[in-house]
Amino acid sequence: MVATLYVMPVKPGRSDDFRVFVSDLMRSRRVEWAESHRRRGVTRQVVFLGHDGAGRDLAMVYSESPEPESAFASIA
């Protein structure tokens, strides 16, 4: 199993939009999200909001997959 952490900046003023998006994934779109993981071979994924040392918000996605290159390519 390979673990990967993707870190992307959140545009200033858009952190609440990110929180709503993640909330939708965990609630109303949970089944679709889980099916997407299975299709791509992702065995675990955690999405959260972090911060850098300068106080900027960062979208962080932690994924586990036996073949992360193919899982990532399927998203693209």
PDB file of N, CA and C in Angstrom:
ATOM      1  N   MET A   1       0.845  -1.173   0.000  1.00  0.00           N
ATOM      2  CA  MET A   1       0.000   0.000   0.000  1.00  0.00           C
ATOM      3  C   MET A   1       0.891   1.238   0.000  1.00  0.00           C
ATOM      4  N   VAL A   2       0.523   2.199  -0.818  1.00  0.00           N
ATOM      5  CA  VAL A   2       1.273   3.444  -0.908  1.00  0.00           C
ATOM      6  C   VAL A   2       0.384   4.578  -0.405  1.00  0.00           C
ATOM      7  N   ALA A   3       0.923   5.402   0.475  1.00  0.00           N
ATOM      8  CA  ALA A   3       0.205   6.562   0.991  1.00  0.00           C
ATOM      9  C   ALA A   3       0.691   7.808   0.266  1.00  0.00           C
ATOM     10  N   THR A   4      -0.257   8.667  -0.079  1.00  0.00           N
ATOM     11  CA  THR A   4       0.052   9.903  -0.783  1.00  0.00           C
ATOM     12  C   THR A   4      -0.705  11.045  -0.117  1.00  0.00           C
ATOM     13  N   LEU A   5      -0.042  12.186   0.025  1.00  0.00           N
ATOM     14  CA  LEU A   5      -0.695  13.372   0.558  1.00  0.00           C
ATOM     15  C   LEU A   5      -0.598  14.472  -0.482  1.00  0.00           C
ATOM     16  N   TYR A   6      -1.756  14.933  -0.943  1.00  0.00           N
ATOM     17  CA  TYR A   6      -1.817  16.054  -1.881  1.00  0.00           C
ATOM     18  C   TYR A   6      -2.169  17.297  -1.075  1.00  0.00           C
ATOM     19  N   VAL A   7      -1.445  18.375  -1.298  1.00  0.00           N
ATOM     20  CA  VAL A   7      -1.685  19.624  -0.588  1.00  0.00           C
ATOM     21  C   VAL A   7      -1.852  20.728  -1.623  1.00  0.00           C
ATOM     22  N   MET A   8      -2.986  21.420  -1.540  1.00  0.00           N
ATOM     23  CA  MET A   8      -3.291  22.484  -2.502  1.00  0.00           C
ATOM     24  C   MET A   8      -3.768  23.726  -1.759  1.00  0.00           C
ATOM     25  N   PRO A   9      -3.338  24.892  -2.157  1.00  0.00           N
ATOM     26  CA  PRO A   9      -3.804  26.110  -1.475  1.00  0.00           C
ATOM     27  C   PRO A   9      -5.285  26.359  -1.763  1.00  0.00           C
ATOM     28  N   VAL A  10      -5.961  26.885  -0.767  1.00  0.00           N
ATOM     29  CA  VAL A  10      -7.350  27.313  -0.921  1.00  0.00           C
ATOM     30  C   VAL A  10      -7.314  28.817  -1.125  1.00  0.00           C
ATOM     31  N   LYS A  11      -7.996  29.295  -2.146  1.00  0.00           N
ATOM     32  CA  LYS A  11      -8.002  30.740  -2.405  1.00  0.00           C
ATOM     33  C   LYS A  11      -8.555  31.490  -1.194  1.00  0.00           C
ATOM     34  N   PRO A  12      -7.985  32.639  -0.903  1.00  0.00           N
ATOM     35  CA  PRO A  12      -8.497  33.440   0.222  1.00  0.00           C
ATOM     36  C   PRO A  12      -9.999  33.676   0.082  1.00  0.00           C
ATOM     37  N   GLY A  13     -10.710  33.489   1.182  1.00  0.00           N
ATOM     38  CA  GLY A  13     -12.153  33.697   1.180  1.00  0.00           C
ATOM     39  C   GLY A  13     -12.958  32.493   0.717  1.00  0.00           C
ATOM     40  N   ARG A  14     -12.304  31.394   0.347  1.00  0.00           N
ATOM     41  CA  ARG A  14     -13.016  30.219  -0.172  1.00  0.00           C
ATOM     42  C   ARG A  14     -13.004  29.031   0.793  1.00  0.00           C
ATOM     43  N   SER A  15     -12.503  29.212   1.991  1.00  0.00           N
ATOM     44  CA  SER A  15     -12.411  28.107   2.951  1.00  0.00           C
ATOM     45  C   SER A  15     -13.788  27.553   3.315  1.00  0.00           C
ATOM     46  N   ASP A  16     -14.776  28.429   3.464  1.00  0.00           N
ATOM     47  CA  ASP A  16     -16.122  27.953   3.777  1.00  0.00           C
ATOM     48  C   ASP A  16     -16.678  27.120   2.629  1.00  0.00           C
ATOM     49  N   ASP A  17     -16.390  27.503   1.388  1.00  0.00           N
ATOM     50  CA  ASP A  17     -16.827  26.715   0.229  1.00  0.00           C
ATOM     51  C   ASP A  17     -16.194  25.325   0.272  1.00  0.00           C
ATOM     52  N   PHE A  18     -14.921  25.252   0.647  1.00  0.00           N
ATOM     53  CA  PHE A  18     -14.246  23.967   0.761  1.00  0.00           C
ATOM     54  C   PHE A  18     -14.919  23.109   1.834  1.00  0.00           C
ATOM     55  N   ARG A  19     -15.231  23.703   2.965  1.00  0.00           N
ATOM     56  CA  ARG A  19     -15.890  22.959   4.047  1.00  0.00           C
ATOM     57  C   ARG A  19     -17.243  22.412   3.592  1.00  0.00           C
ATOM     58  N   VAL A  20     -18.003  23.212   2.863  1.00  0.00           N
ATOM     59  CA  VAL A  20     -19.304  22.764   2.348  1.00  0.00           C
ATOM     60  C   VAL A  20     -19.111  21.611   1.363  1.00  0.00           C
ATOM     61  N   PHE A  21     -18.118  21.717   0.495  1.00  0.00           N
ATOM     62  CA  PHE A  21     -17.832  20.666  -0.473  1.00  0.00           C
ATOM     63  C   PHE A  21     -17.515  19.347   0.237  1.00  0.00           C
ATOM     64  N   VAL A  22     -16.641  19.389   1.238  1.00  0.00           N
ATOM     65  CA  VAL A  22     -16.272  18.175   1.976  1.00  0.00           C
ATOM     66  C   VAL A  22     -17.483  17.640   2.736  1.00  0.00           C
ATOM     67  N   SER A  23     -18.275  18.521   3.296  1.00  0.00           N
ATOM     68  CA  SER A  23     -19.488  18.097   4.003  1.00  0.00           C
ATOM     69  C   SER A  23     -20.433  17.364   3.054  1.00  0.00           C
ATOM     70  N   ASP A  24     -20.597  17.877   1.839  1.00  0.00           N
ATOM     71  CA  ASP A  24     -21.435  17.210   0.835  1.00  0.00           C
ATOM     72  C   ASP A  24     -20.895  15.821   0.505  1.00  0.00           C
ATOM     73  N   LEU A  25     -19.566  15.703   0.376  1.00  0.00           N
ATOM     74  CA  LEU A  25     -18.964  14.399   0.096  1.00  0.00           C
ATOM     75  C   LEU A  25     -19.268  13.405   1.210  1.00  0.00           C
ATOM     76  N   MET A  26     -19.240  13.859   2.432  1.00  0.00           N
ATOM     77  CA  MET A  26     -19.427  12.965   3.569  1.00  0.00           C
ATOM     78  C   MET A  26     -20.892  12.667   3.871  1.00  0.00           C
ATOM     79  N   ARG A  27     -21.787  13.446   3.303  1.00  0.00           N
ATOM     80  CA  ARG A  27     -23.213  13.241   3.601  1.00  0.00           C
ATOM     81  C   ARG A  27     -23.972  12.833   2.347  1.00  0.00           C
ATOM     82  N   SER A  28     -24.430  13.788   1.580  1.00  0.00           N
ATOM     83  CA  SER A  28     -25.339  13.495   0.471  1.00  0.00           C
ATOM     84  C   SER A  28     -24.675  12.751  -0.682  1.00  0.00           C
ATOM     85  N   ARG A  29     -23.372  12.846  -0.822  1.00  0.00           N
ATOM     86  CA  ARG A  29     -22.666  12.171  -1.924  1.00  0.00           C
ATOM     87  C   ARG A  29     -21.738  11.052  -1.447  1.00  0.00           C
ATOM     88  N   ARG A  30     -21.943  10.601  -0.217  1.00  0.00           N
ATOM     89  CA  ARG A  30     -21.050   9.606   0.378  1.00  0.00           C
ATOM     90  C   ARG A  30     -20.988   8.309  -0.436  1.00  0.00           C
ATOM     91  N   VAL A  31     -22.129   7.811  -0.896  1.00  0.00           N
ATOM     92  CA  VAL A  31     -22.163   6.559  -1.659  1.00  0.00           C
ATOM     93  C   VAL A  31     -21.420   6.730  -2.986  1.00  0.00           C
ATOM     94  N   GLU A  32     -21.679   7.839  -3.687  1.00  0.00           N
ATOM     95  CA  GLU A  32     -20.975   8.104  -4.955  1.00  0.00           C
ATOM     96  C   GLU A  32     -19.469   8.225  -4.731  1.00  0.00           C
ATOM     97  N   TRP A  33     -19.083   8.884  -3.662  1.00  0.00           N
ATOM     98  CA  TRP A  33     -17.667   9.078  -3.351  1.00  0.00           C
ATOM     99  C   TRP A  33     -16.990   7.737  -3.077  1.00  0.00           C
ATOM    100  N   ALA A  34     -17.655   6.882  -2.295  1.00  0.00           N
ATOM    101  CA  ALA A  34     -17.108   5.554  -1.991  1.00  0.00           C
ATOM    102  C   ALA A  34     -16.994   4.707  -3.261  1.00  0.00           C
ATOM    103  N   GLU A  35     -17.987   4.766  -4.135  1.00  0.00           N
ATOM    104  CA  GLU A  35     -17.931   4.009  -5.390  1.00  0.00           C
ATOM    105  C   GLU A  35     -16.789   4.499  -6.271  1.00  0.00           C
ATOM    106  N   SER A  36     -16.548   5.791  -6.282  1.00  0.00           N
ATOM    107  CA  SER A  36     -15.433   6.355  -7.034  1.00  0.00           C
ATOM    108  C   SER A  36     -14.105   5.811  -6.517  1.00  0.00           C
ATOM    109  N   HIS A  37     -13.983   5.712  -5.197  1.00  0.00           N
ATOM    110  CA  HIS A  37     -12.761   5.140  -4.609  1.00  0.00           C
ATOM    111  C   HIS A  37     -12.548   3.712  -5.077  1.00  0.00           C
ATOM    112  N   ARG A  38     -13.594   2.915  -5.014  1.00  0.00           N
ATOM    113  CA  ARG A  38     -13.475   1.505  -5.415  1.00  0.00           C
ATOM    114  C   ARG A  38     -13.051   1.381  -6.873  1.00  0.00           C
ATOM    115  N   ARG A  39     -13.663   2.167  -7.743  1.00  0.00           N
ATOM    116  CA  ARG A  39     -13.320   2.118  -9.181  1.00  0.00           C
ATOM    117  C   ARG A  39     -11.863   2.471  -9.427  1.00  0.00           C
ATOM    118  N   ARG A  40     -11.339   3.427  -8.664  1.00  0.00           N
ATOM    119  CA  ARG A  40      -9.956   3.890  -8.857  1.00  0.00           C
ATOM    120  C   ARG A  40      -8.937   3.090  -8.061  1.00  0.00           C
ATOM    121  N   GLY A  41      -9.397   2.185  -7.203  1.00  0.00           N
ATOM    122  CA  GLY A  41      -8.471   1.388  -6.423  1.00  0.00           C
ATOM    123  C   GLY A  41      -7.971   2.073  -5.164  1.00  0.00           C
ATOM    124  N   VAL A  42      -8.641   3.115  -4.741  1.00  0.00           N
ATOM    125  CA  VAL A  42      -8.262   3.822  -3.514  1.00  0.00           C
ATOM    126  C   VAL A  42      -8.902   3.087  -2.340  1.00  0.00           C
ATOM    127  N   THR A  43      -8.092   2.661  -1.388  1.00  0.00           N
ATOM    128  CA  THR A  43      -8.607   1.915  -0.243  1.00  0.00           C
ATOM    129  C   THR A  43      -8.955   2.806   0.944  1.00  0.00           C
ATOM    130  N   ARG A  44      -8.369   3.997   0.987  1.00  0.00           N
ATOM    131  CA  ARG A  44      -8.670   4.948   2.055  1.00  0.00           C
ATOM    132  C   ARG A  44      -8.397   6.355   1.560  1.00  0.00           C
ATOM    133  N   GLN A  45      -9.280   7.288   1.928  1.00  0.00           N
ATOM    134  CA  GLN A  45      -9.042   8.680   1.580  1.00  0.00           C
ATOM    135  C   GLN A  45      -9.626   9.567   2.675  1.00  0.00           C
ATOM    136  N   VAL A  46      -8.831  10.555   3.073  1.00  0.00           N
ATOM    137  CA  VAL A  46      -9.247  11.517   4.087  1.00  0.00           C
ATOM    138  C   VAL A  46      -9.007  12.906   3.510  1.00  0.00           C
ATOM    139  N   VAL A  47     -10.010  13.767   3.624  1.00  0.00           N
ATOM    140  CA  VAL A  47      -9.906  15.134   3.103  1.00  0.00           C
ATOM    141  C   VAL A  47     -10.081  16.081   4.285  1.00  0.00           C
ATOM    142  N   PHE A  48      -9.168  17.042   4.387  1.00  0.00           N
ATOM    143  CA  PHE A  48      -9.282  17.981   5.493  1.00  0.00           C
ATOM    144  C   PHE A  48      -8.669  19.324   5.131  1.00  0.00           C
ATOM    145  N   LEU A  49      -8.962  20.305   5.965  1.00  0.00           N
ATOM    146  CA  LEU A  49      -8.454  21.661   5.785  1.00  0.00           C
ATOM    147  C   LEU A  49      -7.335  21.882   6.782  1.00  0.00           C
ATOM    148  N   GLY A  50      -6.173  22.291   6.280  1.00  0.00           N
ATOM    149  CA  GLY A  50      -5.029  22.579   7.132  1.00  0.00           C
ATOM    150  C   GLY A  50      -4.593  24.014   6.962  1.00  0.00           C
ATOM    151  N   HIS A  51      -3.507  24.368   7.610  1.00  0.00           N
ATOM    152  CA  HIS A  51      -2.992  25.736   7.546  1.00  0.00           C
ATOM    153  C   HIS A  51      -1.477  25.692   7.452  1.00  0.00           C
ATOM    154  N   ASP A  52      -0.909  26.643   6.729  1.00  0.00           N
ATOM    155  CA  ASP A  52       0.548  26.722   6.681  1.00  0.00           C
ATOM    156  C   ASP A  52       1.036  27.687   7.756  1.00  0.00           C
ATOM    157  N   GLY A  53       2.314  27.881   7.830  1.00  0.00           N
ATOM    158  CA  GLY A  53       2.888  28.743   8.856  1.00  0.00           C
ATOM    159  C   GLY A  53       2.506  30.209   8.734  1.00  0.00           C
ATOM    160  N   ALA A  54       2.028  30.602   7.555  1.00  0.00           N
ATOM    161  CA  ALA A  54       1.641  31.992   7.335  1.00  0.00           C
ATOM    162  C   ALA A  54       0.142  32.223   7.536  1.00  0.00           C
ATOM    163  N   GLY A  55      -0.574  31.177   8.001  1.00  0.00           N
ATOM    164  CA  GLY A  55      -2.006  31.325   8.256  1.00  0.00           C
ATOM    165  C   GLY A  55      -2.892  31.104   7.052  1.00  0.00           C
ATOM    166  N   ARG A  56      -2.321  30.652   5.943  1.00  0.00           N
ATOM    167  CA  ARG A  56      -3.131  30.369   4.754  1.00  0.00           C
ATOM    168  C   ARG A  56      -3.751  28.983   4.872  1.00  0.00           C
ATOM    169  N   ASP A  57      -4.953  28.835   4.310  1.00  0.00           N
ATOM    170  CA  ASP A  57      -5.638  27.549   4.340  1.00  0.00           C
ATOM    171  C   ASP A  57      -5.153  26.649   3.212  1.00  0.00           C
ATOM    172  N   LEU A  58      -5.079  25.357   3.516  1.00  0.00           N
ATOM    173  CA  LEU A  58      -4.620  24.361   2.557  1.00  0.00           C
ATOM    174  C   LEU A  58      -5.608  23.200   2.516  1.00  0.00           C
ATOM    175  N   ALA A  59      -6.008  22.805   1.325  1.00  0.00           N
ATOM    176  CA  ALA A  59      -6.810  21.591   1.150  1.00  0.00           C
ATOM    177  C   ALA A  59      -5.827  20.429   1.140  1.00  0.00           C
ATOM    178  N   MET A  60      -6.086  19.433   1.984  1.00  0.00           N
ATOM    179  CA  MET A  60      -5.195  18.284   2.085  1.00  0.00           C
ATOM    180  C   MET A  60      -5.997  17.012   1.835  1.00  0.00           C
ATOM    181  N   VAL A  61      -5.451  16.152   0.968  1.00  0.00           N
ATOM    182  CA  VAL A  61      -6.106  14.891   0.642  1.00  0.00           C
ATOM    183  C   VAL A  61      -5.093  13.771   0.857  1.00  0.00           C
ATOM    184  N   TYR A  62      -5.371  12.933   1.832  1.00  0.00           N
ATOM    185  CA  TYR A  62      -4.524  11.773   2.124  1.00  0.00           C
ATOM    186  C   TYR A  62      -5.191  10.552   1.487  1.00  0.00           C
ATOM    187  N   SER A  63      -4.446   9.816   0.669  1.00  0.00           N
ATOM    188  CA  SER A  63      -4.988   8.638  -0.009  1.00  0.00           C
ATOM    189  C   SER A  63      -4.073   7.446   0.175  1.00  0.00           C
ATOM    190  N   GLU A  64      -4.683   6.261   0.226  1.00  0.00           N
ATOM    191  CA  GLU A  64      -3.934   5.009   0.220  1.00  0.00           C
ATOM    192  C   GLU A  64      -4.432   4.175  -0.949  1.00  0.00           C
ATOM    193  N   SER A  65      -3.483   3.622  -1.699  1.00  0.00           N
ATOM    194  CA  SER A  65      -3.812   2.819  -2.865  1.00  0.00           C
ATOM    195  C   SER A  65      -2.630   1.921  -3.193  1.00  0.00           C
ATOM    196  N   PRO A  66      -2.889   0.697  -3.673  1.00  0.00           N
ATOM    197  CA  PRO A  66      -1.769  -0.146  -4.064  1.00  0.00           C
ATOM    198  C   PRO A  66      -1.063   0.374  -5.320  1.00  0.00           C
ATOM    199  N   GLU A  67      -1.788   1.142  -6.142  1.00  0.00           N
ATOM    200  CA  GLU A  67      -1.223   1.710  -7.364  1.00  0.00           C
ATOM    201  C   GLU A  67      -1.636   3.176  -7.481  1.00  0.00           C
ATOM    202  N   PRO A  68      -0.964   4.071  -6.747  1.00  0.00           N
ATOM    203  CA  PRO A  68      -1.398   5.471  -6.727  1.00  0.00           C
ATOM    204  C   PRO A  68      -1.300   6.170  -8.077  1.00  0.00           C
ATOM    205  N   GLU A  69      -0.354   5.768  -8.920  1.00  0.00           N
ATOM    206  CA  GLU A  69      -0.215   6.421 -10.230  1.00  0.00           C
ATOM    207  C   GLU A  69      -1.468   6.196 -11.077  1.00  0.00           C
ATOM    208  N   SER A  70      -1.955   4.980 -11.089  1.00  0.00           N
ATOM    209  CA  SER A  70      -3.154   4.704 -11.903  1.00  0.00           C
ATOM    210  C   SER A  70      -4.392   5.329 -11.276  1.00  0.00           C
ATOM    211  N   ALA A  71      -4.450   5.364  -9.943  1.00  0.00           N
ATOM    212  CA  ALA A  71      -5.593   5.999  -9.276  1.00  0.00           C
ATOM    213  C   ALA A  71      -5.619   7.491  -9.590  1.00  0.00           C
ATOM    214  N   PHE A  72      -4.469   8.146  -9.521  1.00  0.00           N
ATOM    215  CA  PHE A  72      -4.394   9.568  -9.818  1.00  0.00           C
ATOM    216  C   PHE A  72      -4.694   9.829 -11.299  1.00  0.00           C
ATOM    217  N   ALA A  73      -4.186   8.986 -12.186  1.00  0.00           N
ATOM    218  CA  ALA A  73      -4.437   9.156 -13.631  1.00  0.00           C
ATOM    219  C   ALA A  73      -5.921   9.042 -13.943  1.00  0.00           C
ATOM    220  N   SER A  74      -6.645   8.187 -13.209  1.00  0.00           N
ATOM    221  CA  SER A  74      -8.076   8.044 -13.462  1.00  0.00           C
ATOM    222  C   SER A  74      -8.857   9.291 -13.066  1.00  0.00           C
ATOM    223  N   ILE A  75      -8.334  10.052 -12.110  1.00  0.00           N
ATOM    224  CA  ILE A  75      -8.982  11.305 -11.719  1.00  0.00           C
ATOM    225  C   ILE A  75      -8.778  12.355 -12.818  1.00  0.00           C
ATOM    226  N   ALA A  76      -7.566  12.415 -13.331  1.00  0.00           N
ATOM    227  CA  ALA A  76      -7.240  13.400 -14.363  1.00  0.00           C
ATOM    228  C   ALA A  76      -8.042  13.120 -15.614  1.00  0.00           C
TER     229      ALA A  76
END
